[in-house]
Structures are given as structure tokens and as C-alpha cells.
Amino acid sequence: MAGGTGGAGGGTGGGDSLARRAWRQYLLQLQRHPLRTKMITAGCLAGVSDSVAQKLSGYQKIEKRRLLLKMIFGFAYGGPFGHFLHKVLDYIFKGKKDTKTVAKKV
């Protein structure tokens, strides 16, 4: 399967995997609705990471209340905080994109 890669939608899309289409859709949502997308992503990642942590810690059954609270925390705090923190950092370092600036932001 040779051909162009990374194009913005040209062709029939027959060679696109489900993962590639999902990733493109995610990036589109991130452009259109950045805060909402980051909130949902943070909530899902918090839930997945807590589920893995519970299993690795030896829990026989996943504690659903704990999982839900972690997901709510990611959704209500983690996503919005990260979103607005990066907006503030972009304002502080306006127009600078060199590696020193990126390191300072991190």
C-alpha cells in the first residue's frame, strides 16, 4: 500500500484504519471544541489509569466508586486546569516557540 500519507482527506479512504480515522476525528474535535474534548479525554484517561492501578495493586474487583470519583476529578479539574494553564503559558510566552521556551513551559 504505497501512496500519500498524512493528507487532509484526499482519495477514497479505503486504506484508512479505524484507529487512523478515530485519531483524525479526535483532532478535529480538539480543534472545534478544545475544552470539552480535553475534559472528556482527562476523565477517560483518569479512569483507565485508575483501573490499571487497581488491578496492578491486587484488587480482586475494581472499586467503582473510586473509579467514578477519579473520572469526575479528571473531567472537572484535570481537563479544564490543563487547558487554561496552557492558555496562560501561551500568553506569557507569546510568539516564542524555540526549545528553551518549550522547556520552560514544561
PDB file of N, CA and C in Angstrom:
ATOM      1  N   MET A   1       0.825  -1.177   0.000  1.00  0.00           N
ATOM      2  CA  MET A   1       0.000   0.000   0.000  1.00  0.00           C
ATOM      3  C   MET A   1       0.868   1.239   0.000  1.00  0.00           C
ATOM      4  N   ALA A   2       1.319   1.643  -1.115  1.00  0.00           N
ATOM      5  CA  ALA A   2       2.097   2.867  -1.232  1.00  0.00           C
ATOM      6  C   ALA A   2       1.150   4.009  -1.527  1.00  0.00           C
ATOM      7  N   GLY A   3       1.617   5.182  -1.281  1.00  0.00           N
ATOM      8  CA  GLY A   3       0.786   6.338  -1.593  1.00  0.00           C
ATOM      9  C   GLY A   3       1.063   7.453  -0.626  1.00  0.00           C
ATOM     10  N   GLY A   4       0.290   8.526  -0.757  1.00  0.00           N
ATOM     11  CA  GLY A   4       0.475   9.693   0.092  1.00  0.00           C
ATOM     12  C   GLY A   4       0.057   9.407   1.520  1.00  0.00           C
ATOM     13  N   THR A   5       0.747  10.045   2.442  1.00  0.00           N
ATOM     14  CA  THR A   5       0.406   9.888   3.844  1.00  0.00           C
ATOM     15  C   THR A   5       0.127  11.236   4.456  1.00  0.00           C
ATOM     16  N   GLY A   6      -0.722  11.229   5.444  1.00  0.00           N
ATOM     17  CA  GLY A   6      -0.978  12.434   6.198  1.00  0.00           C
ATOM     18  C   GLY A   6      -1.793  13.477   5.464  1.00  0.00           C
ATOM     19  N   GLY A   7      -2.409  13.118   4.351  1.00  0.00           N
ATOM     20  CA  GLY A   7      -3.214  14.072   3.613  1.00  0.00           C
ATOM     21  C   GLY A   7      -4.470  14.443   4.372  1.00  0.00           C
ATOM     22  N   ALA A   8      -5.079  15.541   3.972  1.00  0.00           N
ATOM     23  CA  ALA A   8      -6.260  16.027   4.682  1.00  0.00           C
ATOM     24  C   ALA A   8      -7.536  15.535   4.021  1.00  0.00           C
ATOM     25  N   GLY A   9      -7.607  14.289   3.663  1.00  0.00           N
ATOM     26  CA  GLY A   9      -8.865  13.738   3.206  1.00  0.00           C
ATOM     27  C   GLY A   9      -8.938  13.388   1.738  1.00  0.00           C
ATOM     28  N   GLY A  10      -7.878  13.534   0.991  1.00  0.00           N
ATOM     29  CA  GLY A  10      -7.921  13.185  -0.421  1.00  0.00           C
ATOM     30  C   GLY A  10      -8.040  11.690  -0.615  1.00  0.00           C
ATOM     31  N   GLY A  11      -8.584  11.255  -1.699  1.00  0.00           N
ATOM     32  CA  GLY A  11      -8.692   9.825  -2.001  1.00  0.00           C
ATOM     33  C   GLY A  11      -9.969   9.236  -1.456  1.00  0.00           C
ATOM     34  N   THR A  12     -10.061   7.912  -1.547  1.00  0.00           N
ATOM     35  CA  THR A  12     -11.280   7.235  -1.158  1.00  0.00           C
ATOM     36  C   THR A  12     -11.317   6.867   0.311  1.00  0.00           C
ATOM     37  N   GLY A  13     -10.169   6.850   0.977  1.00  0.00           N
ATOM     38  CA  GLY A  13     -10.135   6.480   2.384  1.00  0.00           C
ATOM     39  C   GLY A  13     -10.202   4.993   2.609  1.00  0.00           C
ATOM     40  N   GLY A  14     -10.102   4.191   1.537  1.00  0.00           N
ATOM     41  CA  GLY A  14     -10.208   2.751   1.664  1.00  0.00           C
ATOM     42  C   GLY A  14      -9.080   2.127   2.468  1.00  0.00           C
ATOM     43  N   GLY A  15      -7.894   2.761   2.472  1.00  0.00           N
ATOM     44  CA  GLY A  15      -6.744   2.223   3.183  1.00  0.00           C
ATOM     45  C   GLY A  15      -6.646   2.705   4.626  1.00  0.00           C
ATOM     46  N   ASP A  16      -7.549   3.567   5.044  1.00  0.00           N
ATOM     47  CA  ASP A  16      -7.501   4.105   6.403  1.00  0.00           C
ATOM     48  C   ASP A  16      -7.972   3.077   7.409  1.00  0.00           C
ATOM     49  N   SER A  17      -7.204   2.937   8.466  1.00  0.00           N
ATOM     50  CA  SER A  17      -7.606   2.042   9.542  1.00  0.00           C
ATOM     51  C   SER A  17      -8.614   2.756  10.439  1.00  0.00           C
ATOM     52  N   LEU A  18      -9.291   1.994  11.232  1.00  0.00           N
ATOM     53  CA  LEU A  18     -10.242   2.562  12.182  1.00  0.00           C
ATOM     54  C   LEU A  18      -9.522   3.498  13.145  1.00  0.00           C
ATOM     55  N   ALA A  19      -8.329   3.100  13.582  1.00  0.00           N
ATOM     56  CA  ALA A  19      -7.556   3.926  14.514  1.00  0.00           C
ATOM     57  C   ALA A  19      -7.189   5.264  13.880  1.00  0.00           C
ATOM     58  N   ARG A  20      -6.790   5.241  12.621  1.00  0.00           N
ATOM     59  CA  ARG A  20      -6.405   6.485  11.933  1.00  0.00           C
ATOM     60  C   ARG A  20      -7.611   7.411  11.787  1.00  0.00           C
ATOM     61  N   ARG A  21      -8.758   6.844  11.436  1.00  0.00           N
ATOM     62  CA  ARG A  21      -9.971   7.669  11.310  1.00  0.00           C
ATOM     63  C   ARG A  21     -10.393   8.227  12.657  1.00  0.00           C
ATOM     64  N   ALA A  22     -10.301   7.408  13.717  1.00  0.00           N
ATOM     65  CA  ALA A  22     -10.658   7.860  15.059  1.00  0.00           C
ATOM     66  C   ALA A  22      -9.724   8.976  15.509  1.00  0.00           C
ATOM     67  N   TRP A  23      -8.426   8.820  15.216  1.00  0.00           N
ATOM     68  CA  TRP A  23      -7.455   9.847  15.595  1.00  0.00           C
ATOM     69  C   TRP A  23      -7.751  11.166  14.872  1.00  0.00           C
ATOM     70  N   ARG A  24      -8.072  11.088  13.569  1.00  0.00           N
ATOM     71  CA  ARG A  24      -8.416  12.291  12.815  1.00  0.00           C
ATOM     72  C   ARG A  24      -9.656  12.959  13.386  1.00  0.00           C
ATOM     73  N   GLN A  25     -10.651  12.151  13.756  1.00  0.00           N
ATOM     74  CA  GLN A  25     -11.876  12.689  14.337  1.00  0.00           C
ATOM     75  C   GLN A  25     -11.588  13.347  15.687  1.00  0.00           C
ATOM     76  N   TYR A  26     -10.715  12.724  16.477  1.00  0.00           N
ATOM     77  CA  TYR A  26     -10.328  13.290  17.769  1.00  0.00           C
ATOM     78  C   TYR A  26      -9.653  14.651  17.576  1.00  0.00           C
ATOM     79  N   LEU A  27      -8.722  14.745  16.630  1.00  0.00           N
ATOM     80  CA  LEU A  27      -8.035  16.006  16.371  1.00  0.00           C
ATOM     81  C   LEU A  27      -9.000  17.078  15.878  1.00  0.00           C
ATOM     82  N   LEU A  28      -9.981  16.672  15.082  1.00  0.00           N
ATOM     83  CA  LEU A  28     -10.997  17.604  14.607  1.00  0.00           C
ATOM     84  C   LEU A  28     -11.818  18.145  15.786  1.00  0.00           C
ATOM     85  N   GLN A  29     -12.220  17.244  16.687  1.00  0.00           N
ATOM     86  CA  GLN A  29     -12.962  17.675  17.878  1.00  0.00           C
ATOM     87  C   GLN A  29     -12.104  18.578  18.761  1.00  0.00           C
ATOM     88  N   LEU A  30     -10.817  18.293  18.831  1.00  0.00           N
ATOM     89  CA  LEU A  30      -9.900  19.105  19.626  1.00  0.00           C
ATOM     90  C   LEU A  30      -9.812  20.520  19.058  1.00  0.00           C
ATOM     91  N   GLN A  31      -9.884  20.659  17.740  1.00  0.00           N
ATOM     92  CA  GLN A  31      -9.876  21.989  17.124  1.00  0.00           C
ATOM     93  C   GLN A  31     -11.205  22.700  17.329  1.00  0.00           C
ATOM     94  N   ARG A  32     -12.298  21.986  17.147  1.00  0.00           N
ATOM     95  CA  ARG A  32     -13.628  22.608  17.225  1.00  0.00           C
ATOM     96  C   ARG A  32     -14.074  22.882  18.652  1.00  0.00           C
ATOM     97  N   HIS A  33     -13.814  21.966  19.559  1.00  0.00           N
ATOM     98  CA  HIS A  33     -14.269  22.070  20.948  1.00  0.00           C
ATOM     99  C   HIS A  33     -13.128  21.690  21.891  1.00  0.00           C
ATOM    100  N   PRO A  34     -12.101  22.537  21.998  1.00  0.00           N
ATOM    101  CA  PRO A  34     -10.909  22.129  22.752  1.00  0.00           C
ATOM    102  C   PRO A  34     -11.171  21.832  24.226  1.00  0.00           C
ATOM    103  N   LEU A  35     -11.904  22.684  24.916  1.00  0.00           N
ATOM    104  CA  LEU A  35     -12.115  22.462  26.349  1.00  0.00           C
ATOM    105  C   LEU A  35     -12.913  21.190  26.598  1.00  0.00           C
ATOM    106  N   ARG A  36     -14.018  21.029  25.890  1.00  0.00           N
ATOM    107  CA  ARG A  36     -14.853  19.836  26.069  1.00  0.00           C
ATOM    108  C   ARG A  36     -14.073  18.560  25.769  1.00  0.00           C
ATOM    109  N   THR A  37     -13.303  18.582  24.692  1.00  0.00           N
ATOM    110  CA  THR A  37     -12.525  17.402  24.308  1.00  0.00           C
ATOM    111  C   THR A  37     -11.472  17.072  25.355  1.00  0.00           C
ATOM    112  N   LYS A  38     -10.799  18.097  25.878  1.00  0.00           N
ATOM    113  CA  LYS A  38      -9.784  17.866  26.903  1.00  0.00           C
ATOM    114  C   LYS A  38     -10.410  17.357  28.199  1.00  0.00           C
ATOM    115  N   MET A  39     -11.594  17.849  28.533  1.00  0.00           N
ATOM    116  CA  MET A  39     -12.274  17.380  29.749  1.00  0.00           C
ATOM    117  C   MET A  39     -12.634  15.900  29.633  1.00  0.00           C
ATOM    118  N   ILE A  40     -13.209  15.526  28.505  1.00  0.00           N
ATOM    119  CA  ILE A  40     -13.596  14.130  28.294  1.00  0.00           C
ATOM    120  C   ILE A  40     -12.356  13.233  28.257  1.00  0.00           C
ATOM    121  N   THR A  41     -11.318  13.692  27.577  1.00  0.00           N
ATOM    122  CA  THR A  41     -10.084  12.916  27.497  1.00  0.00           C
ATOM    123  C   THR A  41      -9.470  12.729  28.876  1.00  0.00           C
ATOM    124  N   ALA A  42      -9.401  13.798  29.666  1.00  0.00           N
ATOM    125  CA  ALA A  42      -8.819  13.710  31.010  1.00  0.00           C
ATOM    126  C   ALA A  42      -9.629  12.762  31.891  1.00  0.00           C
ATOM    127  N   GLY A  43     -10.949  12.813  31.787  1.00  0.00           N
ATOM    128  CA  GLY A  43     -11.791  11.905  32.569  1.00  0.00           C
ATOM    129  C   GLY A  43     -11.579  10.454  32.179  1.00  0.00           C
ATOM    130  N   CYS A  44     -11.517  10.188  30.893  1.00  0.00           N
ATOM    131  CA  CYS A  44     -11.297   8.813  30.416  1.00  0.00           C
ATOM    132  C   CYS A  44      -9.919   8.297  30.813  1.00  0.00           C
ATOM    133  N   LEU A  45      -8.897   9.130  30.637  1.00  0.00           N
ATOM    134  CA  LEU A  45      -7.546   8.705  30.997  1.00  0.00           C
ATOM    135  C   LEU A  45      -7.416   8.473  32.503  1.00  0.00           C
ATOM    136  N   ALA A  46      -8.073   9.305  33.305  1.00  0.00           N
ATOM    137  CA  ALA A  46      -8.039   9.102  34.752  1.00  0.00           C
ATOM    138  C   ALA A  46      -8.703   7.778  35.116  1.00  0.00           C
ATOM    139  N   GLY A  47      -9.802   7.452  34.441  1.00  0.00           N
ATOM    140  CA  GLY A  47     -10.488   6.190  34.700  1.00  0.00           C
ATOM    141  C   GLY A  47      -9.663   4.982  34.292  1.00  0.00           C
ATOM    142  N   VAL A  48      -9.066   5.057  33.125  1.00  0.00           N
ATOM    143  CA  VAL A  48      -8.243   3.944  32.650  1.00  0.00           C
ATOM    144  C   VAL A  48      -7.029   3.754  33.558  1.00  0.00           C
ATOM    145  N   SER A  49      -6.372   4.857  33.911  1.00  0.00           N
ATOM    146  CA  SER A  49      -5.176   4.732  34.745  1.00  0.00           C
ATOM    147  C   SER A  49      -5.517   4.211  36.137  1.00  0.00           C
ATOM    148  N   ASP A  50      -6.671   4.604  36.690  1.00  0.00           N
ATOM    149  CA  ASP A  50      -7.055   4.089  37.998  1.00  0.00           C
ATOM    150  C   ASP A  50      -7.424   2.611  37.918  1.00  0.00           C
ATOM    151  N   SER A  51      -8.088   2.214  36.856  1.00  0.00           N
ATOM    152  CA  SER A  51      -8.424   0.797  36.679  1.00  0.00           C
ATOM    153  C   SER A  51      -7.159  -0.055  36.623  1.00  0.00           C
ATOM    154  N   VAL A  52      -6.181   0.402  35.856  1.00  0.00           N
ATOM    155  CA  VAL A  52      -4.915  -0.323  35.751  1.00  0.00           C
ATOM    156  C   VAL A  52      -4.212  -0.344  37.105  1.00  0.00           C
ATOM    157  N   ALA A  53      -4.208   0.795  37.800  1.00  0.00           N
ATOM    158  CA  ALA A  53      -3.559   0.866  39.108  1.00  0.00           C
ATOM    159  C   ALA A  53      -4.217  -0.088  40.107  1.00  0.00           C
ATOM    160  N   GLN A  54      -5.543  -0.166  40.082  1.00  0.00           N
ATOM    161  CA  GLN A  54      -6.236  -1.082  40.990  1.00  0.00           C
ATOM    162  C   GLN A  54      -5.868  -2.532  40.683  1.00  0.00           C
ATOM    163  N   LYS A  55      -5.840  -2.882  39.423  1.00  0.00           N
ATOM    164  CA  LYS A  55      -5.505  -4.260  39.055  1.00  0.00           C
ATOM    165  C   LYS A  55      -4.066  -4.594  39.422  1.00  0.00           C
ATOM    166  N   LEU A  56      -3.145  -3.666  39.156  1.00  0.00           N
ATOM    167  CA  LEU A  56      -1.742  -3.899  39.486  1.00  0.00           C
ATOM    168  C   LEU A  56      -1.513  -3.955  40.998  1.00  0.00           C
ATOM    169  N   SER A  57      -2.387  -3.303  41.755  1.00  0.00           N
ATOM    170  CA  SER A  57      -2.274  -3.306  43.218  1.00  0.00           C
ATOM    171  C   SER A  57      -2.863  -4.562  43.833  1.00  0.00           C
ATOM    172  N   GLY A  58      -3.490  -5.396  43.018  1.00  0.00           N
ATOM    173  CA  GLY A  58      -4.003  -6.663  43.505  1.00  0.00           C
ATOM    174  C   GLY A  58      -5.472  -6.669  43.887  1.00  0.00           C
ATOM    175  N   TYR A  59      -6.203  -5.622  43.551  1.00  0.00           N
ATOM    176  CA  TYR A  59      -7.634  -5.615  43.833  1.00  0.00           C
ATOM    177  C   TYR A  59      -8.303  -6.736  43.042  1.00  0.00           C
ATOM    178  N   GLN A  60      -9.167  -7.482  43.708  1.00  0.00           N
ATOM    179  CA  GLN A  60      -9.889  -8.547  43.013  1.00  0.00           C
ATOM    180  C   GLN A  60     -10.983  -7.969  42.121  1.00  0.00           C
ATOM    181  N   LYS A  61     -11.686  -6.968  42.643  1.00  0.00           N
ATOM    182  CA  LYS A  61     -12.735  -6.290  41.874  1.00  0.00           C
ATOM    183  C   LYS A  61     -12.409  -4.806  41.835  1.00  0.00           C
ATOM    184  N   ILE A  62     -12.698  -4.180  40.715  1.00  0.00           N
ATOM    185  CA  ILE A  62     -12.479  -2.736  40.589  1.00  0.00           C
ATOM    186  C   ILE A  62     -13.470  -2.012  41.501  1.00  0.00           C
ATOM    187  N   GLU A  63     -12.977  -1.073  42.299  1.00  0.00           N
ATOM    188  CA  GLU A  63     -13.855  -0.265  43.143  1.00  0.00           C
ATOM    189  C   GLU A  63     -14.493   0.811  42.271  1.00  0.00           C
ATOM    190  N   LYS A  64     -15.777   0.640  41.981  1.00  0.00           N
ATOM    191  CA  LYS A  64     -16.469   1.516  41.039  1.00  0.00           C
ATOM    192  C   LYS A  64     -16.609   2.942  41.553  1.00  0.00           C
ATOM    193  N   ARG A  65     -16.846   3.106  42.846  1.00  0.00           N
ATOM    194  CA  ARG A  65     -16.997   4.450  43.407  1.00  0.00           C
ATOM    195  C   ARG A  65     -15.688   5.227  43.264  1.00  0.00           C
ATOM    196  N   ARG A  66     -14.586   4.586  43.603  1.00  0.00           N
ATOM    197  CA  ARG A  66     -13.269   5.211  43.470  1.00  0.00           C
ATOM    198  C   ARG A  66     -12.998   5.570  42.018  1.00  0.00           C
ATOM    199  N   LEU A  67     -13.301   4.645  41.118  1.00  0.00           N
ATOM    200  CA  LEU A  67     -13.101   4.864  39.689  1.00  0.00           C
ATOM    201  C   LEU A  67     -13.915   6.069  39.207  1.00  0.00           C
ATOM    202  N   LEU A  68     -15.178   6.127  39.600  1.00  0.00           N
ATOM    203  CA  LEU A  68     -16.051   7.238  39.202  1.00  0.00           C
ATOM    204  C   LEU A  68     -15.528   8.566  39.736  1.00  0.00           C
ATOM    205  N   LEU A  69     -15.079   8.582  40.989  1.00  0.00           N
ATOM    206  CA  LEU A  69     -14.548   9.816  41.562  1.00  0.00           C
ATOM    207  C   LEU A  69     -13.288  10.280  40.827  1.00  0.00           C
ATOM    208  N   LYS A  70     -12.438   9.351  40.461  1.00  0.00           N
ATOM    209  CA  LYS A  70     -11.231   9.712  39.700  1.00  0.00           C
ATOM    210  C   LYS A  70     -11.610  10.277  38.331  1.00  0.00           C
ATOM    211  N   MET A  71     -12.606   9.674  37.693  1.00  0.00           N
ATOM    212  CA  MET A  71     -13.031  10.155  36.387  1.00  0.00           C
ATOM    213  C   MET A  71     -13.649  11.547  36.493  1.00  0.00           C
ATOM    214  N   ILE A  72     -14.453  11.770  37.520  1.00  0.00           N
ATOM    215  CA  ILE A  72     -15.050  13.096  37.732  1.00  0.00           C
ATOM    216  C   ILE A  72     -13.950  14.125  37.981  1.00  0.00           C
ATOM    217  N   PHE A  73     -12.956  13.746  38.787  1.00  0.00           N
ATOM    218  CA  PHE A  73     -11.841  14.651  39.061  1.00  0.00           C
ATOM    219  C   PHE A  73     -11.103  15.014  37.775  1.00  0.00           C
ATOM    220  N   GLY A  74     -10.815  14.024  36.939  1.00  0.00           N
ATOM    221  CA  GLY A  74     -10.147  14.291  35.666  1.00  0.00           C
ATOM    222  C   GLY A  74     -10.979  15.189  34.772  1.00  0.00           C
ATOM    223  N   PHE A  75     -12.283  14.921  34.731  1.00  0.00           N
ATOM    224  CA  PHE A  75     -13.200  15.681  33.889  1.00  0.00           C
ATOM    225  C   PHE A  75     -13.363  17.112  34.395  1.00  0.00           C
ATOM    226  N   ALA A  76     -13.608  17.263  35.695  1.00  0.00           N
ATOM    227  CA  ALA A  76     -13.954  18.571  36.244  1.00  0.00           C
ATOM    228  C   ALA A  76     -12.741  19.426  36.608  1.00  0.00           C
ATOM    229  N   TYR A  77     -11.612  18.797  36.901  1.00  0.00           N
ATOM    230  CA  TYR A  77     -10.442  19.572  37.307  1.00  0.00           C
ATOM    231  C   TYR A  77      -9.261  19.421  36.343  1.00  0.00           C
ATOM    232  N   GLY A  78      -8.870  18.204  36.073  1.00  0.00           N
ATOM    233  CA  GLY A  78      -7.673  17.968  35.264  1.00  0.00           C
ATOM    234  C   GLY A  78      -7.757  18.563  33.870  1.00  0.00           C
ATOM    235  N   GLY A  79      -8.851  18.312  33.182  1.00  0.00           N
ATOM    236  CA  GLY A  79      -9.011  18.827  31.818  1.00  0.00           C
ATOM    237  C   GLY A  79      -9.045  20.344  31.758  1.00  0.00           C
ATOM    238  N   PRO A  80      -9.954  20.987  32.521  1.00  0.00           N
ATOM    239  CA  PRO A  80     -10.010  22.456  32.485  1.00  0.00           C
ATOM    240  C   PRO A  80      -8.729  23.123  32.988  1.00  0.00           C
ATOM    241  N   PHE A  81      -8.127  22.576  34.057  1.00  0.00           N
ATOM    242  CA  PHE A  81      -6.905  23.181  34.589  1.00  0.00           C
ATOM    243  C   PHE A  81      -5.792  23.153  33.550  1.00  0.00           C
ATOM    244  N   GLY A  82      -5.593  22.009  32.917  1.00  0.00           N
ATOM    245  CA  GLY A  82      -4.565  21.908  31.879  1.00  0.00           C
ATOM    246  C   GLY A  82      -4.840  22.833  30.709  1.00  0.00           C
ATOM    247  N   HIS A  83      -6.104  22.910  30.311  1.00  0.00           N
ATOM    248  CA  HIS A  83      -6.492  23.770  29.186  1.00  0.00           C
ATOM    249  C   HIS A  83      -6.145  25.227  29.477  1.00  0.00           C
ATOM    250  N   PHE A  84      -6.601  25.725  30.620  1.00  0.00           N
ATOM    251  CA  PHE A  84      -6.396  27.132  30.931  1.00  0.00           C
ATOM    252  C   PHE A  84      -4.951  27.431  31.338  1.00  0.00           C
ATOM    253  N   LEU A  85      -4.265  26.474  31.945  1.00  0.00           N
ATOM    254  CA  LEU A  85      -2.853  26.665  32.256  1.00  0.00           C
ATOM    255  C   LEU A  85      -2.058  26.895  30.976  1.00  0.00           C
ATOM    256  N   HIS A  86      -2.333  26.097  29.954  1.00  0.00           N
ATOM    257  CA  HIS A  86      -1.606  26.265  28.696  1.00  0.00           C
ATOM    258  C   HIS A  86      -1.994  27.554  27.988  1.00  0.00           C
ATOM    259  N   LYS A  87      -3.224  28.023  28.156  1.00  0.00           N
ATOM    260  CA  LYS A  87      -3.606  29.320  27.598  1.00  0.00           C
ATOM    261  C   LYS A  87      -2.802  30.437  28.261  1.00  0.00           C
ATOM    262  N   VAL A  88      -2.660  30.364  29.588  1.00  0.00           N
ATOM    263  CA  VAL A  88      -1.873  31.365  30.314  1.00  0.00           C
ATOM    264  C   VAL A  88      -0.409  31.303  29.888  1.00  0.00           C
ATOM    265  N   LEU A  89       0.130  30.092  29.799  1.00  0.00           N
ATOM    266  CA  LEU A  89       1.526  29.956  29.379  1.00  0.00           C
ATOM    267  C   LEU A  89       1.741  30.478  27.961  1.00  0.00           C
ATOM    268  N   ASP A  90       0.781  30.219  27.070  1.00  0.00           N
ATOM    269  CA  ASP A  90       0.891  30.745  25.708  1.00  0.00           C
ATOM    270  C   ASP A  90       0.874  32.266  25.713  1.00  0.00           C
ATOM    271  N   TYR A  91       0.099  32.857  26.621  1.00  0.00           N
ATOM    272  CA  TYR A  91       0.042  34.316  26.735  1.00  0.00           C
ATOM    273  C   TYR A  91       1.374  34.860  27.266  1.00  0.00           C
ATOM    274  N   ILE A  92       1.916  34.205  28.292  1.00  0.00           N
ATOM    275  CA  ILE A  92       3.176  34.646  28.890  1.00  0.00           C
ATOM    276  C   ILE A  92       4.321  34.548  27.884  1.00  0.00           C
ATOM    277  N   PHE A  93       4.373  33.438  27.139  1.00  0.00           N
ATOM    278  CA  PHE A  93       5.445  33.211  26.175  1.00  0.00           C
ATOM    279  C   PHE A  93       4.972  33.493  24.750  1.00  0.00           C
ATOM    280  N   LYS A  94       4.187  34.538  24.581  1.00  0.00           N
ATOM    281  CA  LYS A  94       3.556  34.866  23.305  1.00  0.00           C
ATOM    282  C   LYS A  94       4.565  34.908  22.152  1.00  0.00           C
ATOM    283  N   GLY A  95       4.307  34.129  21.115  1.00  0.00           N
ATOM    284  CA  GLY A  95       5.107  34.156  19.906  1.00  0.00           C
ATOM    285  C   GLY A  95       6.419  33.388  19.964  1.00  0.00           C
ATOM    286  N   LYS A  96       6.770  32.844  21.106  1.00  0.00           N
ATOM    287  CA  LYS A  96       8.039  32.123  21.231  1.00  0.00           C
ATOM    288  C   LYS A  96       7.784  30.629  21.102  1.00  0.00           C
ATOM    289  N   LYS A  97       8.540  29.974  20.232  1.00  0.00           N
ATOM    290  CA  LYS A  97       8.348  28.542  20.021  1.00  0.00           C
ATOM    291  C   LYS A  97       9.662  27.776  20.010  1.00  0.00           C
ATOM    292  N   ASP A  98      10.743  28.418  20.479  1.00  0.00           N
ATOM    293  CA  ASP A  98      12.044  27.733  20.487  1.00  0.00           C
ATOM    294  C   ASP A  98      12.077  26.674  21.588  1.00  0.00           C
ATOM    295  N   THR A  99      13.102  25.849  21.582  1.00  0.00           N
ATOM    296  CA  THR A  99      13.167  24.734  22.531  1.00  0.00           C
ATOM    297  C   THR A  99      13.307  25.197  23.977  1.00  0.00           C
ATOM    298  N   LYS A 100      13.964  26.335  24.221  1.00  0.00           N
ATOM    299  CA  LYS A 100      14.068  26.864  25.585  1.00  0.00           C
ATOM    300  C   LYS A 100      12.690  27.220  26.137  1.00  0.00           C
ATOM    301  N   THR A 101      11.879  27.837  25.306  1.00  0.00           N
ATOM    302  CA  THR A 101      10.527  28.219  25.727  1.00  0.00           C
ATOM    303  C   THR A 101       9.691  26.982  26.017  1.00  0.00           C
ATOM    304  N   VAL A 102       9.776  25.990  25.167  1.00  0.00           N
ATOM    305  CA  VAL A 102       9.033  24.753  25.387  1.00  0.00           C
ATOM    306  C   VAL A 102       9.457  24.115  26.702  1.00  0.00           C
ATOM    307  N   ALA A 103      10.759  24.099  26.973  1.00  0.00           N
ATOM    308  CA  ALA A 103      11.270  23.542  28.236  1.00  0.00           C
ATOM    309  C   ALA A 103      10.761  24.335  29.433  1.00  0.00           C
ATOM    310  N   LYS A 104      10.681  25.642  29.309  1.00  0.00           N
ATOM    311  CA  LYS A 104      10.161  26.463  30.408  1.00  0.00           C
ATOM    312  C   LYS A 104       8.691  26.175  30.664  1.00  0.00           C
ATOM    313  N   LYS A 105       7.920  25.966  29.598  1.00  0.00           N
ATOM    314  CA  LYS A 105       6.501  25.661  29.755  1.00  0.00           C
ATOM    315  C   LYS A 105       6.296  24.321  30.465  1.00  0.00           C
ATOM    316  N   VAL A 106       7.145  23.365  30.147  1.00  0.00           N
ATOM    317  CA  VAL A 106       7.022  22.044  30.763  1.00  0.00           C
ATOM    318  C   VAL A 106       7.442  22.128  32.202  1.00  0.00           C
TER     319      VAL A 106
END
